[in-house]
Amino acid sequence: MSQTALNLIAIAVFTITMSTLAGPLIHLSPAVPAAVTAGLLGLAAVDTLALESRGATLLVDAFASEQERERVLIHEAGHFLAAYCLGIPVIGYTLTAWEAWRAGQPGQGGVVFDTTYLQTLTPRQLPLVLERYATVWMAGIAAETLRGDRVTGGDGDRQRLREALKLAGLPPNTYAQKESWALLQAKNLLERQRQAYDALVTAMKERASIADCYRVIQEAMLRE
């Protein structure tokens, strides 16, 4: 079950608890909180089973603060710039759950990469490519760190990295070391290209096209 669905359940539990305590004071019928709670629990179940938690994600995202939306922008710009610098084609990006839903993507938004060329790689080429992807996956966390924010995103990025390391046959006791290495590489990359990163954040905030984002990055790099 997704975190957003769990949030709905938490709200339902909170509702029934508070109504039990306060209901007698305001003469609230027990049927009202019971109906609200049942509705929330039903929505969580239907959303998880039938909609892959997209409904709950859209609901939570609709009430996201400006600070949270800025954090998502900062995080995704890190992924985008790292992918560009490491030669991984970007084919799209979304910054809200609604944009992701319209694009047919799960979650609250993200950068989408072209991975078709991975099918042509030989076993000898795979480790080097995996290092590049590891750096890109950690670049969102690195971006939040460099902007001085408390890192609240990145769990999905870490999970993707661990799954890739597992598929590559690496032992689990190396995962933490590989993650730390990739995070350091991502931080160094973003620090070297700070001007390009800041320009990209502005462009993505305005929902610039991929081509325009590339152009903004290139122009900023020429000025450095």
C-alpha atoms as a PDB file:
ATOM      1  CA  MET A   1       0.000   0.000   0.000  1.00  0.00           C
ATOM      2  CA  SER A   2       1.310   3.462  -0.924  1.00  0.00           C
ATOM      3  CA  GLN A   3       2.181   6.174   1.568  1.00  0.00           C
ATOM      4  CA  THR A   4      -0.668   8.359   0.272  1.00  0.00           C
ATOM      5  CA  ALA A   5      -3.200   5.584   0.843  1.00  0.00           C
ATOM      6  CA  LEU A   6      -1.775   5.113   4.332  1.00  0.00           C
ATOM      7  CA  ASN A   7      -2.257   8.843   4.877  1.00  0.00           C
ATOM      8  CA  LEU A   8      -5.946   8.486   4.050  1.00  0.00           C
ATOM      9  CA  ILE A   9      -6.252   5.676   6.571  1.00  0.00           C
ATOM     10  CA  ALA A  10      -4.468   7.812   9.176  1.00  0.00           C
ATOM     11  CA  ILE A  11      -6.919  10.634   8.511  1.00  0.00           C
ATOM     12  CA  ALA A  12      -9.816   8.202   8.907  1.00  0.00           C
ATOM     13  CA  VAL A  13      -8.468   6.962  12.249  1.00  0.00           C
ATOM     14  CA  PHE A  14      -7.917  10.537  13.422  1.00  0.00           C
ATOM     15  CA  THR A  15     -11.463  11.483  12.376  1.00  0.00           C
ATOM     16  CA  ILE A  16     -13.130   8.676  14.283  1.00  0.00           C
ATOM     17  CA  THR A  17     -10.950   9.332  17.347  1.00  0.00           C
ATOM     18  CA  MET A  18     -11.674  13.060  17.486  1.00  0.00           C
ATOM     19  CA  SER A  19     -15.369  12.595  16.798  1.00  0.00           C
ATOM     20  CA  THR A  20     -15.583  10.074  19.636  1.00  0.00           C
ATOM     21  CA  LEU A  21     -14.071  12.619  22.007  1.00  0.00           C
ATOM     22  CA  ALA A  22     -15.792  15.761  20.766  1.00  0.00           C
ATOM     23  CA  GLY A  23     -19.033  14.340  19.395  1.00  0.00           C
ATOM     24  CA  PRO A  24     -20.980  14.383  22.677  1.00  0.00           C
ATOM     25  CA  LEU A  25     -19.968  17.990  23.326  1.00  0.00           C
ATOM     26  CA  ILE A  26     -21.439  19.260  20.042  1.00  0.00           C
ATOM     27  CA  HIS A  27     -24.260  16.704  19.857  1.00  0.00           C
ATOM     28  CA  LEU A  28     -22.847  15.096  16.733  1.00  0.00           C
ATOM     29  CA  SER A  29     -24.535  11.909  15.641  1.00  0.00           C
ATOM     30  CA  PRO A  30     -22.158   8.902  15.710  1.00  0.00           C
ATOM     31  CA  ALA A  31     -23.371   8.060  12.203  1.00  0.00           C
ATOM     32  CA  VAL A  32     -21.656  11.108  10.695  1.00  0.00           C
ATOM     33  CA  PRO A  33     -18.022  10.349  11.615  1.00  0.00           C
ATOM     34  CA  ALA A  34     -18.666   6.666  10.981  1.00  0.00           C
ATOM     35  CA  ALA A  35     -19.831   7.440   7.453  1.00  0.00           C
ATOM     36  CA  VAL A  36     -16.875   9.757   6.807  1.00  0.00           C
ATOM     37  CA  THR A  37     -14.427   7.189   8.127  1.00  0.00           C
ATOM     38  CA  ALA A  38     -15.966   4.391   6.065  1.00  0.00           C
ATOM     39  CA  GLY A  39     -15.798   6.602   2.988  1.00  0.00           C
ATOM     40  CA  LEU A  40     -12.124   7.404   3.487  1.00  0.00           C
ATOM     41  CA  LEU A  41     -11.224   3.778   4.102  1.00  0.00           C
ATOM     42  CA  GLY A  42     -13.205   2.754   1.027  1.00  0.00           C
ATOM     43  CA  LEU A  43     -11.450   5.345  -1.104  1.00  0.00           C
ATOM     44  CA  ALA A  44      -8.068   4.124   0.125  1.00  0.00           C
ATOM     45  CA  ALA A  45      -8.942   0.522  -0.726  1.00  0.00           C
ATOM     46  CA  VAL A  46     -10.364   1.298  -4.174  1.00  0.00           C
ATOM     47  CA  ASP A  47      -7.500   3.637  -5.003  1.00  0.00           C
ATOM     48  CA  THR A  48      -4.868   1.080  -4.012  1.00  0.00           C
ATOM     49  CA  LEU A  49      -6.467  -1.891  -5.742  1.00  0.00           C
ATOM     50  CA  ALA A  50      -7.955  -0.305  -8.870  1.00  0.00           C
ATOM     51  CA  LEU A  51      -6.085   2.935  -9.491  1.00  0.00           C
ATOM     52  CA  GLU A  52      -2.562   2.023  -8.321  1.00  0.00           C
ATOM     53  CA  SER A  53      -2.801   4.771  -5.657  1.00  0.00           C
ATOM     54  CA  ARG A  54      -3.024   7.555  -8.240  1.00  0.00           C
ATOM     55  CA  GLY A  55      -6.166   9.022  -6.717  1.00  0.00           C
ATOM     56  CA  ALA A  56      -4.597   9.409  -3.284  1.00  0.00           C
ATOM     57  CA  THR A  57      -1.479  10.860  -4.854  1.00  0.00           C
ATOM     58  CA  LEU A  58      -3.542  13.435  -6.764  1.00  0.00           C
ATOM     59  CA  LEU A  59      -5.462  14.325  -3.605  1.00  0.00           C
ATOM     60  CA  VAL A  60      -2.337  14.834  -1.514  1.00  0.00           C
ATOM     61  CA  ASP A  61      -0.615  16.752  -4.318  1.00  0.00           C
ATOM     62  CA  ALA A  62      -3.595  19.102  -4.677  1.00  0.00           C
ATOM     63  CA  PHE A  63      -2.903  20.407  -1.173  1.00  0.00           C
ATOM     64  CA  ALA A  64       0.887  20.516  -1.512  1.00  0.00           C
ATOM     65  CA  SER A  65       2.514  23.700  -0.253  1.00  0.00           C
ATOM     66  CA  GLU A  66       4.582  26.011  -2.418  1.00  0.00           C
ATOM     67  CA  GLN A  67       7.624  24.883  -0.453  1.00  0.00           C
ATOM     68  CA  GLU A  68       6.945  21.253  -1.389  1.00  0.00           C
ATOM     69  CA  ARG A  69       6.426  22.140  -5.061  1.00  0.00           C
ATOM     70  CA  GLU A  70       9.730  24.034  -5.013  1.00  0.00           C
ATOM     71  CA  ARG A  71      11.426  20.994  -3.476  1.00  0.00           C
ATOM     72  CA  VAL A  72      10.125  18.755  -6.263  1.00  0.00           C
ATOM     73  CA  LEU A  73      11.383  21.244  -8.853  1.00  0.00           C
ATOM     74  CA  ILE A  74      14.840  21.394  -7.248  1.00  0.00           C
ATOM     75  CA  HIS A  75      14.983  17.599  -7.005  1.00  0.00           C
ATOM     76  CA  GLU A  76      13.944  16.907 -10.598  1.00  0.00           C
ATOM     77  CA  ALA A  77      16.239  19.583 -12.033  1.00  0.00           C
ATOM     78  CA  GLY A  78      19.108  17.703 -10.413  1.00  0.00           C
ATOM     79  CA  HIS A  79      18.110  14.522 -12.242  1.00  0.00           C
ATOM     80  CA  PHE A  80      17.703  16.415 -15.518  1.00  0.00           C
ATOM     81  CA  LEU A  81      21.074  18.164 -15.445  1.00  0.00           C
ATOM     82  CA  ALA A  82      22.966  15.036 -14.395  1.00  0.00           C
ATOM     83  CA  ALA A  83      21.341  13.065 -17.211  1.00  0.00           C
ATOM     84  CA  TYR A  84      22.275  15.745 -19.735  1.00  0.00           C
ATOM     85  CA  CYS A  85      25.890  15.915 -18.560  1.00  0.00           C
ATOM     86  CA  LEU A  86      26.279  12.126 -18.580  1.00  0.00           C
ATOM     87  CA  GLY A  87      24.790  11.609 -22.023  1.00  0.00           C
ATOM     88  CA  ILE A  88      21.481  10.052 -20.987  1.00  0.00           C
ATOM     89  CA  PRO A  89      18.666  11.400 -23.204  1.00  0.00           C
ATOM     90  CA  VAL A  90      15.721  13.051 -21.424  1.00  0.00           C
ATOM     91  CA  ILE A  91      12.395  12.505 -23.166  1.00  0.00           C
ATOM     92  CA  GLY A  92      10.074  14.239 -20.717  1.00  0.00           C
ATOM     93  CA  TYR A  93       9.492  15.587 -17.240  1.00  0.00           C
ATOM     94  CA  THR A  94       6.569  16.355 -14.942  1.00  0.00           C
ATOM     95  CA  LEU A  95       6.522  18.290 -11.687  1.00  0.00           C
ATOM     96  CA  THR A  96       3.092  17.537 -10.201  1.00  0.00           C
ATOM     97  CA  ALA A  97       0.934  14.464  -9.748  1.00  0.00           C
ATOM     98  CA  TRP A  98      -1.621  15.933 -12.167  1.00  0.00           C
ATOM     99  CA  GLU A  99       1.013  16.413 -14.882  1.00  0.00           C
ATOM    100  CA  ALA A 100       2.283  12.881 -14.255  1.00  0.00           C
ATOM    101  CA  TRP A 101      -1.245  11.460 -14.499  1.00  0.00           C
ATOM    102  CA  ARG A 102      -1.881  13.245 -17.793  1.00  0.00           C
ATOM    103  CA  ALA A 103       1.409  11.875 -19.124  1.00  0.00           C
ATOM    104  CA  GLY A 104       0.544   8.348 -18.007  1.00  0.00           C
ATOM    105  CA  GLN A 105       3.295   8.268 -15.387  1.00  0.00           C
ATOM    106  CA  PRO A 106       3.027   7.101 -11.765  1.00  0.00           C
ATOM    107  CA  GLY A 107       3.805   9.197  -8.713  1.00  0.00           C
ATOM    108  CA  GLN A 108       4.070  12.939  -8.205  1.00  0.00           C
ATOM    109  CA  GLY A 109       6.243  13.733 -11.194  1.00  0.00           C
ATOM    110  CA  GLY A 110       9.715  13.029 -12.425  1.00  0.00           C
ATOM    111  CA  VAL A 111      12.225  13.057 -15.272  1.00  0.00           C
ATOM    112  CA  VAL A 112      11.812  10.346 -17.907  1.00  0.00           C
ATOM    113  CA  PHE A 113      14.898   8.956 -19.647  1.00  0.00           C
ATOM    114  CA  ASP A 114      15.318   7.115 -22.924  1.00  0.00           C
ATOM    115  CA  THR A 115      16.623   3.695 -21.928  1.00  0.00           C
ATOM    116  CA  THR A 116      16.124   1.805 -25.200  1.00  0.00           C
ATOM    117  CA  TYR A 117      19.854   1.737 -25.914  1.00  0.00           C
ATOM    118  CA  LEU A 118      20.434  -0.277 -22.753  1.00  0.00           C
ATOM    119  CA  GLN A 119      19.196  -3.339 -24.630  1.00  0.00           C
ATOM    120  CA  THR A 120      22.234  -3.136 -26.914  1.00  0.00           C
ATOM    121  CA  LEU A 121      24.843  -3.155 -24.144  1.00  0.00           C
ATOM    122  CA  THR A 122      27.292  -5.980 -23.630  1.00  0.00           C
ATOM    123  CA  PRO A 123      28.035  -7.309 -20.116  1.00  0.00           C
ATOM    124  CA  ARG A 124      31.396  -5.514 -20.263  1.00  0.00           C
ATOM    125  CA  GLN A 125      29.713  -2.151 -20.927  1.00  0.00           C
ATOM    126  CA  LEU A 126      27.068  -2.517 -18.222  1.00  0.00           C
ATOM    127  CA  PRO A 127      29.131  -1.496 -15.140  1.00  0.00           C
ATOM    128  CA  LEU A 128      30.138   1.854 -16.642  1.00  0.00           C
ATOM    129  CA  VAL A 129      26.585   2.651 -17.720  1.00  0.00           C
ATOM    130  CA  LEU A 130      25.288   1.626 -14.302  1.00  0.00           C
ATOM    131  CA  GLU A 131      27.650   4.116 -12.675  1.00  0.00           C
ATOM    132  CA  ARG A 132      26.243   6.888 -14.853  1.00  0.00           C
ATOM    133  CA  TYR A 133      22.671   5.969 -13.998  1.00  0.00           C
ATOM    134  CA  ALA A 134      23.538   5.698 -10.313  1.00  0.00           C
ATOM    135  CA  THR A 135      24.842   9.267 -10.402  1.00  0.00           C
ATOM    136  CA  VAL A 136      21.680  10.463 -12.139  1.00  0.00           C
ATOM    137  CA  TRP A 137      19.439   8.693  -9.612  1.00  0.00           C
ATOM    138  CA  MET A 138      21.295  10.304  -6.704  1.00  0.00           C
ATOM    139  CA  ALA A 139      21.343  13.747  -8.321  1.00  0.00           C
ATOM    140  CA  GLY A 140      17.892  14.647  -6.998  1.00  0.00           C
ATOM    141  CA  ILE A 141      19.019  14.095  -3.408  1.00  0.00           C
ATOM    142  CA  ALA A 142      22.267  15.937  -4.158  1.00  0.00           C
ATOM    143  CA  ALA A 143      20.328  18.925  -5.514  1.00  0.00           C
ATOM    144  CA  GLU A 144      18.203  19.188  -2.371  1.00  0.00           C
ATOM    145  CA  THR A 145      21.369  19.041  -0.267  1.00  0.00           C
ATOM    146  CA  LEU A 146      23.186  21.717  -2.255  1.00  0.00           C
ATOM    147  CA  ARG A 147      20.219  24.089  -2.067  1.00  0.00           C
ATOM    148  CA  GLY A 148      20.371  23.827   1.721  1.00  0.00           C
ATOM    149  CA  ASP A 149      17.037  22.024   2.060  1.00  0.00           C
ATOM    150  CA  ARG A 150      16.271  19.134   4.349  1.00  0.00           C
ATOM    151  CA  VAL A 151      16.156  16.109   2.079  1.00  0.00           C
ATOM    152  CA  THR A 152      12.634  14.671   2.114  1.00  0.00           C
ATOM    153  CA  GLY A 153      12.558  12.987  -1.291  1.00  0.00           C
ATOM    154  CA  GLY A 154      14.680  10.297  -2.861  1.00  0.00           C
ATOM    155  CA  ASP A 155      13.349   7.048  -1.398  1.00  0.00           C
ATOM    156  CA  GLY A 156      12.236   5.932  -4.849  1.00  0.00           C
ATOM    157  CA  ASP A 157      15.616   6.882  -6.302  1.00  0.00           C
ATOM    158  CA  ARG A 158      17.444   4.801  -3.718  1.00  0.00           C
ATOM    159  CA  GLN A 159      15.129   1.875  -4.398  1.00  0.00           C
ATOM    160  CA  ARG A 160      15.750   2.060  -8.151  1.00  0.00           C
ATOM    161  CA  LEU A 161      19.499   2.084  -7.547  1.00  0.00           C
ATOM    162  CA  ARG A 162      19.326  -0.935  -5.263  1.00  0.00           C
ATOM    163  CA  GLU A 163      17.202  -2.841  -7.759  1.00  0.00           C
ATOM    164  CA  ALA A 164      19.721  -2.068 -10.502  1.00  0.00           C
ATOM    165  CA  LEU A 165      22.613  -3.195  -8.313  1.00  0.00           C
ATOM    166  CA  LYS A 166      20.753  -6.399  -7.539  1.00  0.00           C
ATOM    167  CA  LEU A 167      20.129  -7.065 -11.237  1.00  0.00           C
ATOM    168  CA  ALA A 168      23.813  -6.442 -11.891  1.00  0.00           C
ATOM    169  CA  GLY A 169      24.650  -9.216  -9.436  1.00  0.00           C
ATOM    170  CA  LEU A 170      26.335  -7.056  -6.801  1.00  0.00           C
ATOM    171  CA  PRO A 171      26.114  -8.257  -3.182  1.00  0.00           C
ATOM    172  CA  PRO A 172      23.779  -6.320  -0.820  1.00  0.00           C
ATOM    173  CA  ASN A 173      26.660  -5.356   1.479  1.00  0.00           C
ATOM    174  CA  THR A 174      28.013  -3.096  -1.298  1.00  0.00           C
ATOM    175  CA  TYR A 175      24.783  -1.122  -1.831  1.00  0.00           C
ATOM    176  CA  ALA A 176      25.451   1.560   0.799  1.00  0.00           C
ATOM    177  CA  GLN A 177      28.963   2.165  -0.543  1.00  0.00           C
ATOM    178  CA  LYS A 178      27.722   2.417  -4.137  1.00  0.00           C
ATOM    179  CA  GLU A 179      24.969   4.809  -3.081  1.00  0.00           C
ATOM    180  CA  SER A 180      27.410   7.052  -1.191  1.00  0.00           C
ATOM    181  CA  TRP A 181      29.796   7.065  -4.160  1.00  0.00           C
ATOM    182  CA  ALA A 182      27.019   7.996  -6.584  1.00  0.00           C
ATOM    183  CA  LEU A 183      25.751  10.740  -4.279  1.00  0.00           C
ATOM    184  CA  LEU A 184      29.244  12.239  -4.054  1.00  0.00           C
ATOM    185  CA  GLN A 185      29.619  12.149  -7.840  1.00  0.00           C
ATOM    186  CA  ALA A 186      26.256  13.848  -8.242  1.00  0.00           C
ATOM    187  CA  LYS A 187      27.137  16.589  -5.750  1.00  0.00           C
ATOM    188  CA  ASN A 188      30.441  17.278  -7.501  1.00  0.00           C
ATOM    189  CA  LEU A 189      28.729  17.423 -10.892  1.00  0.00           C
ATOM    190  CA  LEU A 190      26.066  19.884  -9.731  1.00  0.00           C
ATOM    191  CA  GLU A 191      28.635  22.052  -7.960  1.00  0.00           C
ATOM    192  CA  ARG A 192      30.720  22.261 -11.139  1.00  0.00           C
ATOM    193  CA  GLN A 193      27.650  23.176 -13.191  1.00  0.00           C
ATOM    194  CA  ARG A 194      25.910  25.388 -10.628  1.00  0.00           C
ATOM    195  CA  GLN A 195      25.132  28.174 -13.087  1.00  0.00           C
ATOM    196  CA  ALA A 196      23.625  25.725 -15.552  1.00  0.00           C
ATOM    197  CA  TYR A 197      21.637  24.104 -12.752  1.00  0.00           C
ATOM    198  CA  ASP A 198      20.152  27.401 -11.561  1.00  0.00           C
ATOM    199  CA  ALA A 199      19.215  28.322 -15.140  1.00  0.00           C
ATOM    200  CA  LEU A 200      17.594  24.913 -15.625  1.00  0.00           C
ATOM    201  CA  VAL A 201      15.522  25.307 -12.453  1.00  0.00           C
ATOM    202  CA  THR A 202      14.112  28.566 -13.834  1.00  0.00           C
ATOM    203  CA  ALA A 203      13.380  26.990 -17.210  1.00  0.00           C
ATOM    204  CA  MET A 204      11.675  23.928 -15.734  1.00  0.00           C
ATOM    205  CA  LYS A 205       9.582  26.094 -13.422  1.00  0.00           C
ATOM    206  CA  GLU A 206       8.200  27.740 -16.545  1.00  0.00           C
ATOM    207  CA  ARG A 207       7.609  24.258 -18.056  1.00  0.00           C
ATOM    208  CA  ALA A 208      10.097  24.815 -20.886  1.00  0.00           C
ATOM    209  CA  SER A 209      10.336  22.118 -23.540  1.00  0.00           C
ATOM    210  CA  ILE A 210      13.137  19.561 -23.470  1.00  0.00           C
ATOM    211  CA  ALA A 211      14.821  21.331 -26.382  1.00  0.00           C
ATOM    212  CA  ASP A 212      14.641  24.684 -24.596  1.00  0.00           C
ATOM    213  CA  CYS A 213      15.996  23.141 -21.385  1.00  0.00           C
ATOM    214  CA  TYR A 214      18.936  21.750 -23.360  1.00  0.00           C
ATOM    215  CA  ARG A 215      19.541  25.168 -24.893  1.00  0.00           C
ATOM    216  CA  VAL A 216      19.441  26.885 -21.485  1.00  0.00           C
ATOM    217  CA  ILE A 217      21.978  24.405 -20.112  1.00  0.00           C
ATOM    218  CA  GLN A 218      24.291  24.838 -23.089  1.00  0.00           C
ATOM    219  CA  GLU A 219      24.175  28.643 -22.926  1.00  0.00           C
ATOM    220  CA  ALA A 220      24.885  28.637 -19.188  1.00  0.00           C
ATOM    221  CA  MET A 221      27.840  26.292 -19.637  1.00  0.00           C
ATOM    222  CA  LEU A 222      29.305  28.594 -22.271  1.00  0.00           C
ATOM    223  CA  ARG A 223      29.168  31.483 -19.810  1.00  0.00           C
ATOM    224  CA  GLU A 224      31.021  29.589 -17.064  1.00  0.00           C
END
